[in-house]
Amino acid sequence: MTTMYNLKDRQIACDDEGYLLDLNDWSYELMMLIAANEELHLSDEHLTVINIVRQYYQEYGTTPAIRTLIAYLKKQNMTNLCSSVALARLFPKGAAKTAAKLAGLPKPVKCI
C-alpha cells in the first residue's frame, strides 16, 4: 500500500510503514517531517547516526541492521554511539529501522 508525505506543495510516496519508495525524494526537510511524525526531536547525535546510515548505504548498497550499524559506528570511531543502549536512547522505536526511515532508505532486511 502506498501512502504519502505532504511536504510543501509536493506529495512524496512511501510504503505503509513510511519508507520512501524513491530514494531520490529524500531531503533534509523531508527528514524533519518524518522525525516529527515519529515524535523525535533530532539532535546532533541523531544526525550523525542518520548520516552514517546513508554513508553505509552508499558504500554497500544496503541498509544496515542493528548489529551491523553498531559495528560500522565502531569502525567510524563513534564510540559514544556504538552500543544498542545509546542507539535505543536516540531511537526508541528501533534504531536501525528509524534511522533508515529518516535517512530515506529502505527498511533493513533483517528487521521485523
PDB file of N, CA and C in Angstrom:
ATOM      1  N   MET A   1       0.848  -1.181   0.000  1.00  0.00           N
ATOM      2  CA  MET A   1       0.000   0.000   0.000  1.00  0.00           C
ATOM      3  C   MET A   1       0.893   1.243   0.000  1.00  0.00           C
ATOM      4  N   THR A   2       0.558   2.210  -0.821  1.00  0.00           N
ATOM      5  CA  THR A   2       1.315   3.447  -0.915  1.00  0.00           C
ATOM      6  C   THR A   2       0.604   4.540  -0.132  1.00  0.00           C
ATOM      7  N   THR A   3       1.372   5.260   0.667  1.00  0.00           N
ATOM      8  CA  THR A   3       0.853   6.437   1.354  1.00  0.00           C
ATOM      9  C   THR A   3       1.728   7.615   0.935  1.00  0.00           C
ATOM     10  N   MET A   4       1.451   8.762   1.468  1.00  0.00           N
ATOM     11  CA  MET A   4       2.164   9.963   1.037  1.00  0.00           C
ATOM     12  C   MET A   4       2.603  10.805   2.219  1.00  0.00           C
ATOM     13  N   TYR A   5       3.755  11.438   2.046  1.00  0.00           N
ATOM     14  CA  TYR A   5       4.168  12.537   2.901  1.00  0.00           C
ATOM     15  C   TYR A   5       3.812  13.807   2.138  1.00  0.00           C
ATOM     16  N   ASN A   6       3.224  14.760   2.813  1.00  0.00           N
ATOM     17  CA  ASN A   6       2.914  16.044   2.201  1.00  0.00           C
ATOM     18  C   ASN A   6       3.956  17.056   2.660  1.00  0.00           C
ATOM     19  N   LEU A   7       4.773  17.489   1.710  1.00  0.00           N
ATOM     20  CA  LEU A   7       5.852  18.420   2.003  1.00  0.00           C
ATOM     21  C   LEU A   7       5.708  19.613   1.079  1.00  0.00           C
ATOM     22  N   LYS A   8       5.341  20.735   1.681  1.00  0.00           N
ATOM     23  CA  LYS A   8       5.083  21.952   0.916  1.00  0.00           C
ATOM     24  C   LYS A   8       4.044  21.645  -0.155  1.00  0.00           C
ATOM     25  N   ASP A   9       4.377  21.805  -1.422  1.00  0.00           N
ATOM     26  CA  ASP A   9       3.401  21.566  -2.489  1.00  0.00           C
ATOM     27  C   ASP A   9       3.600  20.207  -3.160  1.00  0.00           C
ATOM     28  N   ARG A  10       4.371  19.320  -2.514  1.00  0.00           N
ATOM     29  CA  ARG A  10       4.666  18.004  -3.085  1.00  0.00           C
ATOM     30  C   ARG A  10       4.060  16.882  -2.258  1.00  0.00           C
ATOM     31  N   GLN A  11       3.674  15.834  -2.945  1.00  0.00           N
ATOM     32  CA  GLN A  11       3.301  14.605  -2.272  1.00  0.00           C
ATOM     33  C   GLN A  11       4.383  13.587  -2.585  1.00  0.00           C
ATOM     34  N   ILE A  12       4.952  13.002  -1.543  1.00  0.00           N
ATOM     35  CA  ILE A  12       6.070  12.078  -1.698  1.00  0.00           C
ATOM     36  C   ILE A  12       5.609  10.690  -1.273  1.00  0.00           C
ATOM     37  N   ALA A  13       5.725   9.742  -2.188  1.00  0.00           N
ATOM     38  CA  ALA A  13       5.223   8.384  -1.965  1.00  0.00           C
ATOM     39  C   ALA A  13       6.116   7.605  -1.003  1.00  0.00           C
ATOM     40  N   CYS A  14       5.447   6.856  -0.123  1.00  0.00           N
ATOM     41  CA  CYS A  14       6.139   5.944   0.784  1.00  0.00           C
ATOM     42  C   CYS A  14       5.288   4.696   0.953  1.00  0.00           C
ATOM     43  N   ASP A  15       5.891   3.663   1.515  1.00  0.00           N
ATOM     44  CA  ASP A  15       5.118   2.448   1.755  1.00  0.00           C
ATOM     45  C   ASP A  15       4.265   2.629   3.009  1.00  0.00           C
ATOM     46  N   ASP A  16       3.548   1.596   3.393  1.00  0.00           N
ATOM     47  CA  ASP A  16       2.620   1.712   4.522  1.00  0.00           C
ATOM     48  C   ASP A  16       3.335   1.866   5.870  1.00  0.00           C
ATOM     49  N   GLU A  17       4.671   1.659   5.898  1.00  0.00           N
ATOM     50  CA  GLU A  17       5.433   1.876   7.125  1.00  0.00           C
ATOM     51  C   GLU A  17       6.172   3.216   7.125  1.00  0.00           C
ATOM     52  N   GLY A  18       6.071   3.974   6.028  1.00  0.00           N
ATOM     53  CA  GLY A  18       6.681   5.293   5.964  1.00  0.00           C
ATOM     54  C   GLY A  18       8.047   5.354   5.320  1.00  0.00           C
ATOM     55  N   TYR A  19       8.499   4.250   4.706  1.00  0.00           N
ATOM     56  CA  TYR A  19       9.783   4.248   3.996  1.00  0.00           C
ATOM     57  C   TYR A  19       9.574   4.770   2.584  1.00  0.00           C
ATOM     58  N   LEU A  20      10.475   5.629   2.133  1.00  0.00           N
ATOM     59  CA  LEU A  20      10.350   6.227   0.803  1.00  0.00           C
ATOM     60  C   LEU A  20      10.361   5.159  -0.283  1.00  0.00           C
ATOM     61  N   LEU A  21       9.552   5.365  -1.300  1.00  0.00           N
ATOM     62  CA  LEU A  21       9.563   4.474  -2.457  1.00  0.00           C
ATOM     63  C   LEU A  21      10.636   4.886  -3.449  1.00  0.00           C
ATOM     64  N   ASP A  22      10.970   6.172  -3.480  1.00  0.00           N
ATOM     65  CA  ASP A  22      12.019   6.672  -4.362  1.00  0.00           C
ATOM     66  C   ASP A  22      13.062   7.378  -3.499  1.00  0.00           C
ATOM     67  N   LEU A  23      14.240   6.782  -3.396  1.00  0.00           N
ATOM     68  CA  LEU A  23      15.292   7.332  -2.545  1.00  0.00           C
ATOM     69  C   LEU A  23      15.688   8.746  -2.943  1.00  0.00           C
ATOM     70  N   ASN A  24      15.457   9.107  -4.193  1.00  0.00           N
ATOM     71  CA  ASN A  24      15.800  10.449  -4.669  1.00  0.00           C
ATOM     72  C   ASN A  24      14.870  11.527  -4.118  1.00  0.00           C
ATOM     73  N   ASP A  25      13.769  11.137  -3.481  1.00  0.00           N
ATOM     74  CA  ASP A  25      12.854  12.105  -2.867  1.00  0.00           C
ATOM     75  C   ASP A  25      13.369  12.635  -1.535  1.00  0.00           C
ATOM     76  N   TRP A  26      14.413  12.002  -0.982  1.00  0.00           N
ATOM     77  CA  TRP A  26      14.906  12.389   0.332  1.00  0.00           C
ATOM     78  C   TRP A  26      15.456  13.812   0.325  1.00  0.00           C
ATOM     79  N   SER A  27      15.191  14.530   1.400  1.00  0.00           N
ATOM     80  CA  SER A  27      15.764  15.850   1.623  1.00  0.00           C
ATOM     81  C   SER A  27      15.810  16.090   3.132  1.00  0.00           C
ATOM     82  N   TYR A  28      16.558  17.087   3.526  1.00  0.00           N
ATOM     83  CA  TYR A  28      16.623  17.451   4.931  1.00  0.00           C
ATOM     84  C   TYR A  28      15.226  17.812   5.454  1.00  0.00           C
ATOM     85  N   GLU A  29      14.474  18.564   4.657  1.00  0.00           N
ATOM     86  CA  GLU A  29      13.124  18.974   5.066  1.00  0.00           C
ATOM     87  C   GLU A  29      12.220  17.763   5.255  1.00  0.00           C
ATOM     88  N   LEU A  30      12.334  16.795   4.349  1.00  0.00           N
ATOM     89  CA  LEU A  30      11.523  15.581   4.476  1.00  0.00           C
ATOM     90  C   LEU A  30      11.945  14.799   5.716  1.00  0.00           C
ATOM     91  N   MET A  31      13.241  14.726   5.970  1.00  0.00           N
ATOM     92  CA  MET A  31      13.724  14.047   7.165  1.00  0.00           C
ATOM     93  C   MET A  31      13.109  14.672   8.419  1.00  0.00           C
ATOM     94  N   MET A  32      13.037  15.986   8.465  1.00  0.00           N
ATOM     95  CA  MET A  32      12.456  16.670   9.619  1.00  0.00           C
ATOM     96  C   MET A  32      10.967  16.366   9.749  1.00  0.00           C
ATOM     97  N   LEU A  33      10.261  16.260   8.614  1.00  0.00           N
ATOM     98  CA  LEU A  33       8.843  15.897   8.634  1.00  0.00           C
ATOM     99  C   LEU A  33       8.672  14.470   9.158  1.00  0.00           C
ATOM    100  N   ILE A  34       9.484  13.556   8.686  1.00  0.00           N
ATOM    101  CA  ILE A  34       9.415  12.163   9.147  1.00  0.00           C
ATOM    102  C   ILE A  34       9.720  12.104  10.638  1.00  0.00           C
ATOM    103  N   ALA A  35      10.724  12.857  11.085  1.00  0.00           N
ATOM    104  CA  ALA A  35      11.064  12.893  12.508  1.00  0.00           C
ATOM    105  C   ALA A  35       9.872  13.374  13.337  1.00  0.00           C
ATOM    106  N   ALA A  36       9.204  14.405  12.869  1.00  0.00           N
ATOM    107  CA  ALA A  36       8.018  14.900  13.583  1.00  0.00           C
ATOM    108  C   ALA A  36       6.940  13.822  13.636  1.00  0.00           C
ATOM    109  N   ASN A  37       6.746  13.103  12.535  1.00  0.00           N
ATOM    110  CA  ASN A  37       5.766  12.007  12.520  1.00  0.00           C
ATOM    111  C   ASN A  37       6.145  10.898  13.495  1.00  0.00           C
ATOM    112  N   GLU A  38       7.457  10.702  13.693  1.00  0.00           N
ATOM    113  CA  GLU A  38       7.966   9.685  14.620  1.00  0.00           C
ATOM    114  C   GLU A  38       8.081  10.220  16.050  1.00  0.00           C
ATOM    115  N   GLU A  39       7.683  11.486  16.247  1.00  0.00           N
ATOM    116  CA  GLU A  39       7.752  12.159  17.544  1.00  0.00           C
ATOM    117  C   GLU A  39       9.183  12.232  18.073  1.00  0.00           C
ATOM    118  N   LEU A  40      10.111  12.522  17.155  1.00  0.00           N
ATOM    119  CA  LEU A  40      11.522  12.682  17.504  1.00  0.00           C
ATOM    120  C   LEU A  40      11.956  14.123  17.269  1.00  0.00           C
ATOM    121  N   HIS A  41      12.727  14.647  18.195  1.00  0.00           N
ATOM    122  CA  HIS A  41      13.378  15.945  18.030  1.00  0.00           C
ATOM    123  C   HIS A  41      14.845  15.625  17.774  1.00  0.00           C
ATOM    124  N   LEU A  42      15.297  15.852  16.560  1.00  0.00           N
ATOM    125  CA  LEU A  42      16.623  15.402  16.158  1.00  0.00           C
ATOM    126  C   LEU A  42      17.736  16.246  16.756  1.00  0.00           C
ATOM    127  N   SER A  43      18.678  15.560  17.379  1.00  0.00           N
ATOM    128  CA  SER A  43      19.880  16.182  17.939  1.00  0.00           C
ATOM    129  C   SER A  43      21.043  15.950  16.978  1.00  0.00           C
ATOM    130  N   ASP A  44      22.188  16.500  17.319  1.00  0.00           N
ATOM    131  CA  ASP A  44      23.386  16.249  16.527  1.00  0.00           C
ATOM    132  C   ASP A  44      23.721  14.759  16.495  1.00  0.00           C
ATOM    133  N   GLU A  45      23.482  14.063  17.613  1.00  0.00           N
ATOM    134  CA  GLU A  45      23.735  12.611  17.643  1.00  0.00           C
ATOM    135  C   GLU A  45      22.828  11.877  16.663  1.00  0.00           C
ATOM    136  N   HIS A  46      21.547  12.244  16.619  1.00  0.00           N
ATOM    137  CA  HIS A  46      20.630  11.639  15.643  1.00  0.00           C
ATOM    138  C   HIS A  46      21.160  11.841  14.223  1.00  0.00           C
ATOM    139  N   LEU A  47      21.532  13.091  13.939  1.00  0.00           N
ATOM    140  CA  LEU A  47      22.004  13.414  12.590  1.00  0.00           C
ATOM    141  C   LEU A  47      23.277  12.657  12.237  1.00  0.00           C
ATOM    142  N   THR A  48      24.148  12.458  13.216  1.00  0.00           N
ATOM    143  CA  THR A  48      25.357  11.673  12.984  1.00  0.00           C
ATOM    144  C   THR A  48      25.001  10.249  12.582  1.00  0.00           C
ATOM    145  N   VAL A  49      24.110   9.625  13.331  1.00  0.00           N
ATOM    146  CA  VAL A  49      23.705   8.245  13.018  1.00  0.00           C
ATOM    147  C   VAL A  49      23.030   8.187  11.652  1.00  0.00           C
ATOM    148  N   ILE A  50      22.144   9.117  11.363  1.00  0.00           N
ATOM    149  CA  ILE A  50      21.450   9.147  10.071  1.00  0.00           C
ATOM    150  C   ILE A  50      22.455   9.290   8.933  1.00  0.00           C
ATOM    151  N   ASN A  51      23.414  10.179   9.090  1.00  0.00           N
ATOM    152  CA  ASN A  51      24.431  10.357   8.050  1.00  0.00           C
ATOM    153  C   ASN A  51      25.311   9.116   7.893  1.00  0.00           C
ATOM    154  N   ILE A  52      25.620   8.450   8.997  1.00  0.00           N
ATOM    155  CA  ILE A  52      26.407   7.214   8.935  1.00  0.00           C
ATOM    156  C   ILE A  52      25.610   6.128   8.208  1.00  0.00           C
ATOM    157  N   VAL A  53      24.321   6.051   8.459  1.00  0.00           N
ATOM    158  CA  VAL A  53      23.474   5.063   7.775  1.00  0.00           C
ATOM    159  C   VAL A  53      23.439   5.352   6.273  1.00  0.00           C
ATOM    160  N   ARG A  54      23.342   6.617   5.901  1.00  0.00           N
ATOM    161  CA  ARG A  54      23.369   6.985   4.482  1.00  0.00           C
ATOM    162  C   ARG A  54      24.731   6.637   3.859  1.00  0.00           C
ATOM    163  N   GLN A  55      25.794   6.899   4.594  1.00  0.00           N
ATOM    164  CA  GLN A  55      27.141   6.564   4.122  1.00  0.00           C
ATOM    165  C   GLN A  55      27.278   5.053   3.926  1.00  0.00           C
ATOM    166  N   TYR A  56      26.779   4.275   4.872  1.00  0.00           N
ATOM    167  CA  TYR A  56      26.834   2.813   4.775  1.00  0.00           C
ATOM    168  C   TYR A  56      26.083   2.345   3.524  1.00  0.00           C
ATOM    169  N   TYR A  57      24.918   2.917   3.305  1.00  0.00           N
ATOM    170  CA  TYR A  57      24.113   2.538   2.133  1.00  0.00           C
ATOM    171  C   TYR A  57      24.868   2.842   0.836  1.00  0.00           C
ATOM    172  N   GLN A  58      25.501   4.001   0.781  1.00  0.00           N
ATOM    173  CA  GLN A  58      26.272   4.355  -0.425  1.00  0.00           C
ATOM    174  C   GLN A  58      27.434   3.395  -0.638  1.00  0.00           C
ATOM    175  N   GLU A  59      28.046   2.963   0.442  1.00  0.00           N
ATOM    176  CA  GLU A  59      29.208   2.084   0.348  1.00  0.00           C
ATOM    177  C   GLU A  59      28.829   0.637   0.015  1.00  0.00           C
ATOM    178  N   TYR A  60      27.742   0.138   0.608  1.00  0.00           N
ATOM    179  CA  TYR A  60      27.404  -1.287   0.499  1.00  0.00           C
ATOM    180  C   TYR A  60      26.117  -1.589  -0.267  1.00  0.00           C
ATOM    181  N   GLY A  61      25.324  -0.564  -0.577  1.00  0.00           N
ATOM    182  CA  GLY A  61      24.102  -0.778  -1.348  1.00  0.00           C
ATOM    183  C   GLY A  61      22.978  -1.447  -0.592  1.00  0.00           C
ATOM    184  N   THR A  62      23.063  -1.423   0.727  1.00  0.00           N
ATOM    185  CA  THR A  62      22.014  -1.989   1.568  1.00  0.00           C
ATOM    186  C   THR A  62      21.957  -1.186   2.865  1.00  0.00           C
ATOM    187  N   THR A  63      20.868  -1.320   3.571  1.00  0.00           N
ATOM    188  CA  THR A  63      20.686  -0.623   4.832  1.00  0.00           C
ATOM    189  C   THR A  63      21.158  -1.526   5.970  1.00  0.00           C
ATOM    190  N   PRO A  64      21.941  -1.011   6.919  1.00  0.00           N
ATOM    191  CA  PRO A  64      22.465  -1.885   7.976  1.00  0.00           C
ATOM    192  C   PRO A  64      21.412  -2.262   9.014  1.00  0.00           C
ATOM    193  N   ALA A  65      21.437  -3.532   9.404  1.00  0.00           N
ATOM    194  CA  ALA A  65      20.659  -3.973  10.563  1.00  0.00           C
ATOM    195  C   ALA A  65      21.395  -3.478  11.807  1.00  0.00           C
ATOM    196  N   ILE A  66      20.813  -3.649  12.984  1.00  0.00           N
ATOM    197  CA  ILE A  66      21.342  -3.044  14.203  1.00  0.00           C
ATOM    198  C   ILE A  66      22.761  -3.497  14.521  1.00  0.00           C
ATOM    199  N   ARG A  67      23.065  -4.768  14.450  1.00  0.00           N
ATOM    200  CA  ARG A  67      24.426  -5.228  14.779  1.00  0.00           C
ATOM    201  C   ARG A  67      25.446  -4.684  13.783  1.00  0.00           C
ATOM    202  N   THR A  68      25.061  -4.656  12.534  1.00  0.00           N
ATOM    203  CA  THR A  68      25.939  -4.114  11.502  1.00  0.00           C
ATOM    204  C   THR A  68      26.136  -2.617  11.712  1.00  0.00           C
ATOM    205  N   LEU A  69      25.074  -1.917  12.080  1.00  0.00           N
ATOM    206  CA  LEU A  69      25.166  -0.484  12.347  1.00  0.00           C
ATOM    207  C   LEU A  69      26.123  -0.218  13.504  1.00  0.00           C
ATOM    208  N   ILE A  70      26.020  -0.989  14.566  1.00  0.00           N
ATOM    209  CA  ILE A  70      26.908  -0.811  15.723  1.00  0.00           C
ATOM    210  C   ILE A  70      28.361  -1.044  15.308  1.00  0.00           C
ATOM    211  N   ALA A  71      28.610  -2.097  14.539  1.00  0.00           N
ATOM    212  CA  ALA A  71      29.970  -2.381  14.073  1.00  0.00           C
ATOM    213  C   ALA A  71      30.489  -1.255  13.176  1.00  0.00           C
ATOM    214  N   TYR A  72      29.633  -0.729  12.332  1.00  0.00           N
ATOM    215  CA  TYR A  72      30.041   0.354  11.424  1.00  0.00           C
ATOM    216  C   TYR A  72      30.311   1.641  12.203  1.00  0.00           C
ATOM    217  N   LEU A  73      29.502   1.913  13.220  1.00  0.00           N
ATOM    218  CA  LEU A  73      29.749   3.080  14.072  1.00  0.00           C
ATOM    219  C   LEU A  73      31.094   2.942  14.785  1.00  0.00           C
ATOM    220  N   LYS A  74      31.418   1.723  15.235  1.00  0.00           N
ATOM    221  CA  LYS A  74      32.731   1.486  15.857  1.00  0.00           C
ATOM    222  C   LYS A  74      33.846   1.754  14.856  1.00  0.00           C
ATOM    223  N   LYS A  75      33.660   1.268  13.641  1.00  0.00           N
ATOM    224  CA  LYS A  75      34.657   1.461  12.584  1.00  0.00           C
ATOM    225  C   LYS A  75      34.874   2.950  12.302  1.00  0.00           C
ATOM    226  N   GLN A  76      33.824   3.749  12.462  1.00  0.00           N
ATOM    227  CA  GLN A  76      33.891   5.199  12.236  1.00  0.00           C
ATOM    228  C   GLN A  76      34.331   5.961  13.487  1.00  0.00           C
ATOM    229  N   ASN A  77      34.748   5.220  14.517  1.00  0.00           N
ATOM    230  CA  ASN A  77      35.205   5.799  15.789  1.00  0.00           C
ATOM    231  C   ASN A  77      34.127   6.611  16.512  1.00  0.00           C
ATOM    232  N   MET A  78      32.893   6.204  16.372  1.00  0.00           N
ATOM    233  CA  MET A  78      31.775   6.841  17.066  1.00  0.00           C
ATOM    234  C   MET A  78      31.520   6.088  18.373  1.00  0.00           C
ATOM    235  N   THR A  79      32.509   6.146  19.277  1.00  0.00           N
ATOM    236  CA  THR A  79      32.462   5.334  20.489  1.00  0.00           C
ATOM    237  C   THR A  79      31.276   5.671  21.391  1.00  0.00           C
ATOM    238  N   ASN A  80      30.810   6.890  21.353  1.00  0.00           N
ATOM    239  CA  ASN A  80      29.672   7.277  22.193  1.00  0.00           C
ATOM    240  C   ASN A  80      28.338   6.770  21.641  1.00  0.00           C
ATOM    241  N   LEU A  81      28.322   6.292  20.399  1.00  0.00           N
ATOM    242  CA  LEU A  81      27.069   5.869  19.770  1.00  0.00           C
ATOM    243  C   LEU A  81      27.043   4.376  19.416  1.00  0.00           C
ATOM    244  N   CYS A  82      28.137   3.665  19.643  1.00  0.00           N
ATOM    245  CA  CYS A  82      28.230   2.297  19.124  1.00  0.00           C
ATOM    246  C   CYS A  82      27.798   1.242  20.137  1.00  0.00           C
ATOM    247  N   SER A  83      26.641   1.468  20.744  1.00  0.00           N
ATOM    248  CA  SER A  83      26.051   0.446  21.615  1.00  0.00           C
ATOM    249  C   SER A  83      24.540   0.440  21.399  1.00  0.00           C
ATOM    250  N   SER A  84      23.952  -0.703  21.658  1.00  0.00           N
ATOM    251  CA  SER A  84      22.497  -0.797  21.493  1.00  0.00           C
ATOM    252  C   SER A  84      21.777   0.114  22.481  1.00  0.00           C
ATOM    253  N   VAL A  85      22.356   0.326  23.653  1.00  0.00           N
ATOM    254  CA  VAL A  85      21.747   1.204  24.662  1.00  0.00           C
ATOM    255  C   VAL A  85      21.735   2.652  24.167  1.00  0.00           C
ATOM    256  N   ALA A  86      22.863   3.129  23.659  1.00  0.00           N
ATOM    257  CA  ALA A  86      22.944   4.506  23.158  1.00  0.00           C
ATOM    258  C   ALA A  86      21.987   4.708  21.989  1.00  0.00           C
ATOM    259  N   LEU A  87      21.926   3.738  21.092  1.00  0.00           N
ATOM    260  CA  LEU A  87      21.035   3.861  19.924  1.00  0.00           C
ATOM    261  C   LEU A  87      19.569   3.782  20.329  1.00  0.00           C
ATOM    262  N   ALA A  88      19.247   2.940  21.302  1.00  0.00           N
ATOM    263  CA  ALA A  88      17.858   2.825  21.777  1.00  0.00           C
ATOM    264  C   ALA A  88      17.411   4.119  22.451  1.00  0.00           C
ATOM    265  N   ARG A  89      18.345   4.790  23.113  1.00  0.00           N
ATOM    266  CA  ARG A  89      18.017   6.084  23.735  1.00  0.00           C
ATOM    267  C   ARG A  89      17.643   7.112  22.666  1.00  0.00           C
ATOM    268  N   LEU A  90      18.372   7.088  21.560  1.00  0.00           N
ATOM    269  CA  LEU A  90      18.104   8.034  20.477  1.00  0.00           C
ATOM    270  C   LEU A  90      16.869   7.666  19.663  1.00  0.00           C
ATOM    271  N   PHE A  91      16.714   6.370  19.410  1.00  0.00           N
ATOM    272  CA  PHE A  91      15.647   5.879  18.540  1.00  0.00           C
ATOM    273  C   PHE A  91      14.846   4.807  19.277  1.00  0.00           C
ATOM    274  N   PRO A  92      13.929   5.209  20.160  1.00  0.00           N
ATOM    275  CA  PRO A  92      13.217   4.246  20.996  1.00  0.00           C
ATOM    276  C   PRO A  92      12.332   3.250  20.224  1.00  0.00           C
ATOM    277  N   LYS A  93      11.960   3.571  19.006  1.00  0.00           N
ATOM    278  CA  LYS A  93      11.111   2.661  18.222  1.00  0.00           C
ATOM    279  C   LYS A  93      11.931   1.703  17.366  1.00  0.00           C
ATOM    280  N   GLY A  94      13.237   1.655  17.582  1.00  0.00           N
ATOM    281  CA  GLY A  94      14.119   0.778  16.819  1.00  0.00           C
ATOM    282  C   GLY A  94      15.134   1.600  16.047  1.00  0.00           C
ATOM    283  N   ALA A  95      16.397   1.481  16.422  1.00  0.00           N
ATOM    284  CA  ALA A  95      17.438   2.341  15.860  1.00  0.00           C
ATOM    285  C   ALA A  95      17.662   2.117  14.374  1.00  0.00           C
ATOM    286  N   ALA A  96      17.862   0.882  13.967  1.00  0.00           N
ATOM    287  CA  ALA A  96      18.170   0.623  12.554  1.00  0.00           C
ATOM    288  C   ALA A  96      16.996   1.007  11.664  1.00  0.00           C
ATOM    289  N   LYS A  97      15.786   0.620  12.076  1.00  0.00           N
ATOM    290  CA  LYS A  97      14.594   0.923  11.269  1.00  0.00           C
ATOM    291  C   LYS A  97      14.336   2.423  11.204  1.00  0.00           C
ATOM    292  N   THR A  98      14.363   3.085  12.338  1.00  0.00           N
ATOM    293  CA  THR A  98      14.040   4.508  12.371  1.00  0.00           C
ATOM    294  C   THR A  98      15.111   5.341  11.674  1.00  0.00           C
ATOM    295  N   ALA A  99      16.380   5.017  11.915  1.00  0.00           N
ATOM    296  CA  ALA A  99      17.456   5.763  11.249  1.00  0.00           C
ATOM    297  C   ALA A  99      17.363   5.592   9.737  1.00  0.00           C
ATOM    298  N   ALA A 100      17.056   4.384   9.279  1.00  0.00           N
ATOM    299  CA  ALA A 100      16.912   4.144   7.836  1.00  0.00           C
ATOM    300  C   ALA A 100      15.754   4.963   7.273  1.00  0.00           C
ATOM    301  N   LYS A 101      14.644   4.981   7.980  1.00  0.00           N
ATOM    302  CA  LYS A 101      13.481   5.750   7.516  1.00  0.00           C
ATOM    303  C   LYS A 101      13.815   7.230   7.428  1.00  0.00           C
ATOM    304  N   LEU A 102      14.477   7.755   8.455  1.00  0.00           N
ATOM    305  CA  LEU A 102      14.860   9.168   8.463  1.00  0.00           C
ATOM    306  C   LEU A 102      15.899   9.483   7.392  1.00  0.00           C
ATOM    307  N   ALA A 103      16.710   8.495   7.051  1.00  0.00           N
ATOM    308  CA  ALA A 103      17.737   8.667   6.019  1.00  0.00           C
ATOM    309  C   ALA A 103      17.178   8.495   4.615  1.00  0.00           C
ATOM    310  N   GLY A 104      15.894   8.149   4.513  1.00  0.00           N
ATOM    311  CA  GLY A 104      15.273   7.979   3.203  1.00  0.00           C
ATOM    312  C   GLY A 104      15.624   6.672   2.537  1.00  0.00           C
ATOM    313  N   LEU A 105      16.008   5.687   3.327  1.00  0.00           N
ATOM    314  CA  LEU A 105      16.482   4.415   2.798  1.00  0.00           C
ATOM    315  C   LEU A 105      15.491   3.290   3.063  1.00  0.00           C
ATOM    316  N   PRO A 106      15.678   2.150   2.388  1.00  0.00           N
ATOM    317  CA  PRO A 106      14.783   1.012   2.611  1.00  0.00           C
ATOM    318  C   PRO A 106      14.921   0.482   4.041  1.00  0.00           C
ATOM    319  N   LYS A 107      13.877  -0.174   4.502  1.00  0.00           N
ATOM    320  CA  LYS A 107      13.899  -0.831   5.794  1.00  0.00           C
ATOM    321  C   LYS A 107      14.992  -1.895   5.785  1.00  0.00           C
ATOM    322  N   PRO A 108      15.788  -1.981   6.859  1.00  0.00           N
ATOM    323  CA  PRO A 108      16.809  -3.029   6.913  1.00  0.00           C
ATOM    324  C   PRO A 108      16.183  -4.408   6.737  1.00  0.00           C
ATOM    325  N   VAL A 109      16.842  -5.244   5.963  1.00  0.00           N
ATOM    326  CA  VAL A 109      16.299  -6.564   5.608  1.00  0.00           C
ATOM    327  C   VAL A 109      16.022  -7.433   6.814  1.00  0.00           C
ATOM    328  N   LYS A 110      16.902  -7.384   7.803  1.00  0.00           N
ATOM    329  CA  LYS A 110      16.770  -8.272   8.954  1.00  0.00           C
ATOM    330  C   LYS A 110      15.902  -7.695  10.073  1.00  0.00           C
ATOM    331  N   CYS A 111      15.196  -6.606   9.828  1.00  0.00           N
ATOM    332  CA  CYS A 111      14.329  -6.014  10.834  1.00  0.00           C
ATOM    333  C   CYS A 111      12.900  -6.476  10.645  1.00  0.00           C
ATOM    334  N   ILE A 112      12.252  -6.754  11.762  1.00  0.00           N
ATOM    335  CA  ILE A 112      10.853  -7.207  11.727  1.00  0.00           C
ATOM    336  C   ILE A 112       9.938  -6.025  11.546  1.00  0.00           C
TER     337      ILE A 112
END
